[in-house]
Protein backbone atom coordinates (compact mmCIF):
# COMPACT_ATOMS: atom_id res chain seq x y z
CA MET A 1 41.18 107.14 90.38
CA LYS A 2 42.30 109.80 92.83
CA PRO A 3 42.76 108.59 96.45
CA ALA A 4 40.66 110.37 99.04
CA GLU A 5 41.93 108.90 102.30
CA LYS A 6 45.61 109.79 102.58
CA GLN A 7 45.20 113.05 104.44
CA ILE A 8 45.49 113.18 108.22
CA VAL A 9 42.03 113.36 109.73
CA LYS A 10 41.41 115.00 113.10
CA ILE A 11 38.01 115.55 114.67
CA ASN A 12 38.26 116.82 118.22
CA GLN A 13 35.67 115.32 120.54
CA PRO A 14 35.58 114.82 124.31
CA GLU A 15 34.25 111.26 124.13
CA THR A 16 37.67 109.57 124.15
CA SER A 17 40.51 109.61 126.67
CA LEU A 18 43.20 108.96 124.08
CA SER A 19 45.78 111.69 123.52
CA THR A 20 45.07 113.88 120.52
CA ARG A 21 48.85 114.33 120.11
CA LEU A 22 49.35 110.80 118.78
CA ILE A 23 48.97 109.98 115.08
CA ILE A 24 47.90 106.53 113.89
CA HIS A 25 48.77 105.36 110.37
CA GLY A 26 46.18 102.69 109.62
CA ALA A 27 48.00 101.21 106.63
CA ASN A 28 50.79 99.81 108.79
CA ASN A 29 49.35 100.20 112.33
CA GLN A 30 52.15 102.60 113.22
CA VAL A 31 51.69 105.00 116.13
CA CYS A 32 53.61 108.28 115.97
CA ILE A 33 53.91 111.68 117.60
CA ASN A 34 55.32 114.89 116.18
CA SER A 35 57.85 117.17 117.80
CA LEU A 36 55.22 119.84 118.46
CA GLY A 37 53.27 117.41 120.62
CA ILE A 38 56.41 116.39 122.48
CA ALA A 39 57.30 120.03 123.13
CA LYS A 40 53.89 120.75 124.60
CA GLU A 41 53.76 117.62 126.74
CA PHE A 42 57.29 118.14 128.07
CA GLY A 43 56.94 121.89 128.60
CA ARG A 44 59.87 122.76 126.37
CA GLU A 45 60.22 125.17 123.44
CA HIS A 46 59.76 123.48 120.10
CA LYS A 47 63.04 124.83 118.74
CA SER A 48 64.85 123.13 121.62
CA VAL A 49 63.09 119.83 120.93
CA LEU A 50 64.04 120.15 117.25
CA ARG A 51 67.66 120.76 118.15
CA THR A 52 67.72 117.66 120.37
CA VAL A 53 66.08 115.46 117.74
CA ASN A 54 68.46 116.77 115.07
CA GLU A 55 71.43 115.82 117.26
CA LEU A 56 70.02 112.33 117.87
CA ILE A 57 69.47 111.85 114.14
CA ALA A 58 72.98 113.13 113.35
CA ASP A 59 74.68 110.64 115.67
CA ALA A 60 72.33 107.81 114.54
CA THR A 61 70.71 107.37 117.96
CA ILE A 62 67.45 107.75 116.03
CA SER A 63 67.62 105.76 112.79
CA ARG A 64 66.23 106.88 109.44
CA HIS A 65 63.34 104.40 109.85
CA GLU A 66 62.20 106.04 113.08
CA PHE A 67 61.41 109.58 111.95
CA VAL A 68 59.89 111.54 109.07
CA PRO A 69 60.54 115.25 108.43
CA ARG A 70 57.28 117.18 108.40
CA THR A 71 56.17 120.80 108.26
CA TYR A 72 53.44 122.78 109.95
CA LYS A 73 51.91 126.18 109.27
CA LYS A 74 51.77 129.06 111.71
CA ARG A 75 50.45 132.48 110.77
CA GLY A 76 50.71 131.65 107.11
CA LYS A 77 54.35 130.51 107.27
CA GLU A 78 55.69 126.96 107.05
CA TYR A 79 58.06 125.59 109.69
CA PRO A 80 59.89 122.25 110.11
CA CYS A 81 59.01 119.55 112.60
CA TYR A 82 59.56 115.81 112.96
CA GLU A 83 57.21 112.87 113.27
CA LEU A 84 58.68 110.07 115.41
CA ASN A 85 57.42 106.52 115.66
CA GLU A 86 57.33 104.63 118.95
CA ALA A 87 60.99 103.60 118.81
CA GLY A 88 62.14 107.08 117.82
CA PHE A 89 60.15 108.69 120.62
CA LEU A 90 61.41 106.24 123.26
CA LYS A 91 65.01 106.91 122.20
CA ALA A 92 64.52 110.68 122.22
CA MET A 93 62.54 110.82 125.46
CA PRO A 94 65.45 110.79 127.96
CA PHE A 95 67.17 113.67 126.14
CA ILE A 96 64.22 116.06 125.75
CA GLY A 97 64.09 117.61 129.22
CA GLY A 98 61.66 120.40 130.03
CA ARG A 99 59.77 121.55 133.09
CA LYS A 100 57.13 118.80 132.69
CA SER A 101 59.44 116.05 131.44
CA LYS A 102 58.50 113.46 134.07
CA GLU A 103 54.76 114.00 133.58
CA GLY A 104 55.17 114.13 129.81
CA GLN A 105 57.10 110.88 129.67
CA LYS A 106 54.55 109.03 131.78
CA ARG A 107 51.54 110.38 129.91
CA LEU A 108 52.88 109.70 126.42
CA VAL A 109 54.26 106.24 127.21
CA ASP A 110 50.88 105.33 128.72
CA GLU A 111 49.11 106.62 125.61
CA PHE A 112 51.41 104.70 123.25
CA LEU A 113 50.75 101.50 125.21
CA LYS A 114 46.99 102.14 125.24
CA VAL A 115 46.82 102.69 121.49
CA ARG A 116 49.05 99.70 120.79
CA LYS A 117 46.69 97.49 122.81
CA LEU A 118 43.73 98.75 120.78
CA LEU A 119 45.61 98.16 117.52
CA ASP A 120 46.41 94.59 118.58
CA ARG A 121 42.71 94.01 119.22
CA GLN A 122 41.92 95.44 115.79
CA ALA A 123 44.44 93.05 114.21
CA LYS A 124 42.47 90.10 115.65
CA GLU A 125 39.24 91.61 114.31
CA ARG A 126 40.73 91.58 110.80
CA GLU A 127 41.09 87.80 110.96
CA THR A 128 37.34 87.23 111.31
CA LEU A 129 35.09 86.28 108.39
CA ALA A 130 32.69 89.13 109.22
CA TYR A 131 35.51 91.63 108.80
CA GLN A 132 36.64 90.13 105.48
CA VAL A 133 33.09 90.29 104.08
CA ALA A 134 32.61 93.87 105.26
CA ARG A 135 35.99 94.84 103.85
CA LEU A 136 35.15 93.50 100.38
CA SER A 137 31.75 95.19 100.43
CA GLY A 138 33.37 98.43 101.59
CA LYS A 139 35.68 98.47 98.57
CA ASP A 140 32.64 98.54 96.30
CA SER A 141 30.96 101.40 98.15
CA ARG A 142 34.18 103.40 98.31
CA GLY A 143 34.68 102.92 94.57
CA ILE A 144 31.15 104.14 93.86
CA LEU A 145 31.65 107.23 96.03
CA THR A 146 35.07 107.97 94.52
CA ASP A 147 33.58 107.82 91.01
CA ALA A 148 30.77 110.14 92.11
CA ILE A 149 33.24 112.59 93.66
CA GLN A 150 35.36 112.58 90.49
CA ALA A 151 32.28 113.43 88.44
CA PHE A 152 31.32 116.11 90.96
CA VAL A 153 34.77 117.70 90.85
CA ALA A 154 34.54 117.95 87.06
CA TYR A 155 31.00 119.31 87.45
CA ALA A 156 32.15 121.99 89.90
CA LYS A 157 35.13 122.97 87.75
CA GLY A 158 32.83 123.36 84.78
CA ARG A 159 30.84 125.85 86.84
CA GLY A 160 33.79 127.97 87.83
CA SER A 161 35.08 126.36 91.04
CA GLN A 162 38.76 127.16 91.62
CA ASN A 163 39.19 124.67 94.48
CA ALA A 164 37.08 121.74 93.30
CA ASP A 165 39.80 119.16 94.01
CA ARG A 166 39.29 119.79 97.71
CA TYR A 167 35.97 118.00 97.50
CA PHE A 168 37.79 114.65 97.56
CA SER A 169 38.93 115.24 101.13
CA ASN A 170 35.96 117.39 102.18
CA ILE A 171 33.35 114.81 101.23
CA THR A 172 35.41 111.96 102.71
CA ASN A 173 35.71 113.89 105.97
CA ALA A 174 31.97 114.61 105.98
CA VAL A 175 31.24 110.87 105.69
CA TYR A 176 33.65 110.00 108.50
CA LYS A 177 32.43 112.82 110.73
CA ALA A 178 28.85 111.56 110.44
CA MET A 179 29.71 108.27 112.14
CA LEU A 180 33.13 108.45 113.79
CA VAL A 181 35.00 110.21 116.55
CA ILE A 182 38.48 110.22 115.02
CA GLU A 183 40.88 110.82 117.85
CA PRO A 184 43.89 110.58 118.00
CA GLN A 185 44.76 111.81 114.52
CA ALA A 186 44.79 109.10 111.90
CA THR A 187 45.57 108.34 108.29
CA GLU A 188 44.05 105.46 106.28
CA VAL A 189 41.13 105.49 108.73
CA ARG A 190 39.31 102.65 106.94
CA GLU A 191 42.08 100.25 108.02
CA LEU A 192 41.26 100.93 111.68
CA LEU A 193 37.55 100.08 111.55
CA THR A 194 35.67 97.03 112.78
CA ALA A 195 33.33 94.95 110.60
CA ILE A 196 30.27 96.79 111.97
CA GLN A 197 31.88 100.19 111.39
CA LEU A 198 32.87 99.23 107.84
CA SER A 199 29.28 98.21 107.11
CA THR A 200 27.96 101.53 108.43
CA LEU A 201 30.62 103.44 106.53
CA GLY A 202 29.65 101.68 103.29
CA THR A 203 26.04 102.75 103.75
CA PHE A 204 27.04 106.36 104.34
CA GLU A 205 29.30 106.33 101.29
CA LEU A 206 26.49 105.09 99.08
CA ILE A 207 24.16 107.76 100.47
CA ALA A 208 26.72 110.49 99.74
CA ALA A 209 27.24 109.16 96.22
CA GLN A 210 23.50 109.17 95.58
CA VAL A 211 23.09 112.77 96.79
CA LEU A 212 25.94 113.89 94.54
CA THR A 213 24.55 112.07 91.52
CA VAL A 214 20.98 113.33 91.97
CA GLY A 215 22.19 116.90 92.51
CA MET A 216 24.21 116.83 89.29
CA GLU A 217 21.34 115.30 87.33
CA LYS A 218 19.13 118.16 88.50
CA GLN A 219 21.81 120.69 87.52
CA GLN A 220 21.90 122.18 91.01
CA PRO A 221 24.66 124.66 91.99
CA TYR A 222 27.72 122.70 93.13
CA LYS A 223 27.87 124.44 96.51
CA ASP A 224 24.24 123.49 97.16
CA ILE A 225 25.00 119.87 96.28
CA PHE A 226 27.91 119.72 98.70
CA GLN A 227 25.79 121.28 101.45
CA SER A 228 23.07 118.74 100.70
CA VAL A 229 25.57 115.91 101.19
CA LYS A 230 26.54 117.29 104.61
CA ASN A 231 22.93 117.90 105.65
CA THR A 232 21.82 114.44 104.54
CA LEU A 233 24.63 112.70 106.43
CA ALA A 234 24.03 114.82 109.52
CA GLY A 235 20.35 113.84 109.44
CA PHE A 236 21.10 110.20 110.26
CA VAL A 237 21.04 109.47 113.98
CA VAL A 238 23.85 107.05 114.75
CA GLU A 239 26.09 106.62 117.77
CA ARG A 240 29.46 107.98 116.74
CA THR A 241 32.30 105.69 117.80
CA ASN A 242 36.08 105.74 117.84
CA PRO A 243 37.78 103.69 115.08
CA LEU A 244 39.72 101.72 117.67
CA SER A 245 36.96 101.19 120.21
CA GLY A 246 33.82 100.73 118.09
């Protein structure tokens, strides 16, 4: 069964005051920031931030557990960057410099602390019976949707789609977008949800699975089926909430 939740999800919305430069990994409750975000916050060129981080990695100031090499695309080309966890960022912070270094340090430290507080609250939520029940139920709905997406991908490929595999992430994102404001960026979003949010998510997943299944049974064009999924989800009026504040 192909996973559909490992991509980084980012939906920009004004409803939250959290920094969009932070990245939350729900599987291990780790909060990170990449070197591009640091460069912008500190008012320094990214190549200079990279050079500083490289030096700190080389002399072991930043350990191998505190960073991950990443890449980003700009004008069709791929360039290197780093993703630093809280410890890696705090160690790098005094060495970054830049015209906005003081403001950047204060803003990002405040944001790290704010997100950490929300994650601690979420950890307590996971201990409740309501969360455990919703979590088990959510596994069933996610499995049903994943099976439906797999069938839909095969259906689309059989009708000439060259990029059908993208429907795993596209449909997952459509489900999340219908009910969540995902900001900061996040991976493993399901791990960040409350019991109520998990219950709502399960309902939306079952709805998406049903629309896919019915569309395939009726032999509709695959693009029309995907559009129908988006339209159906968008038709439900729900208050969209942030994974860490819902």
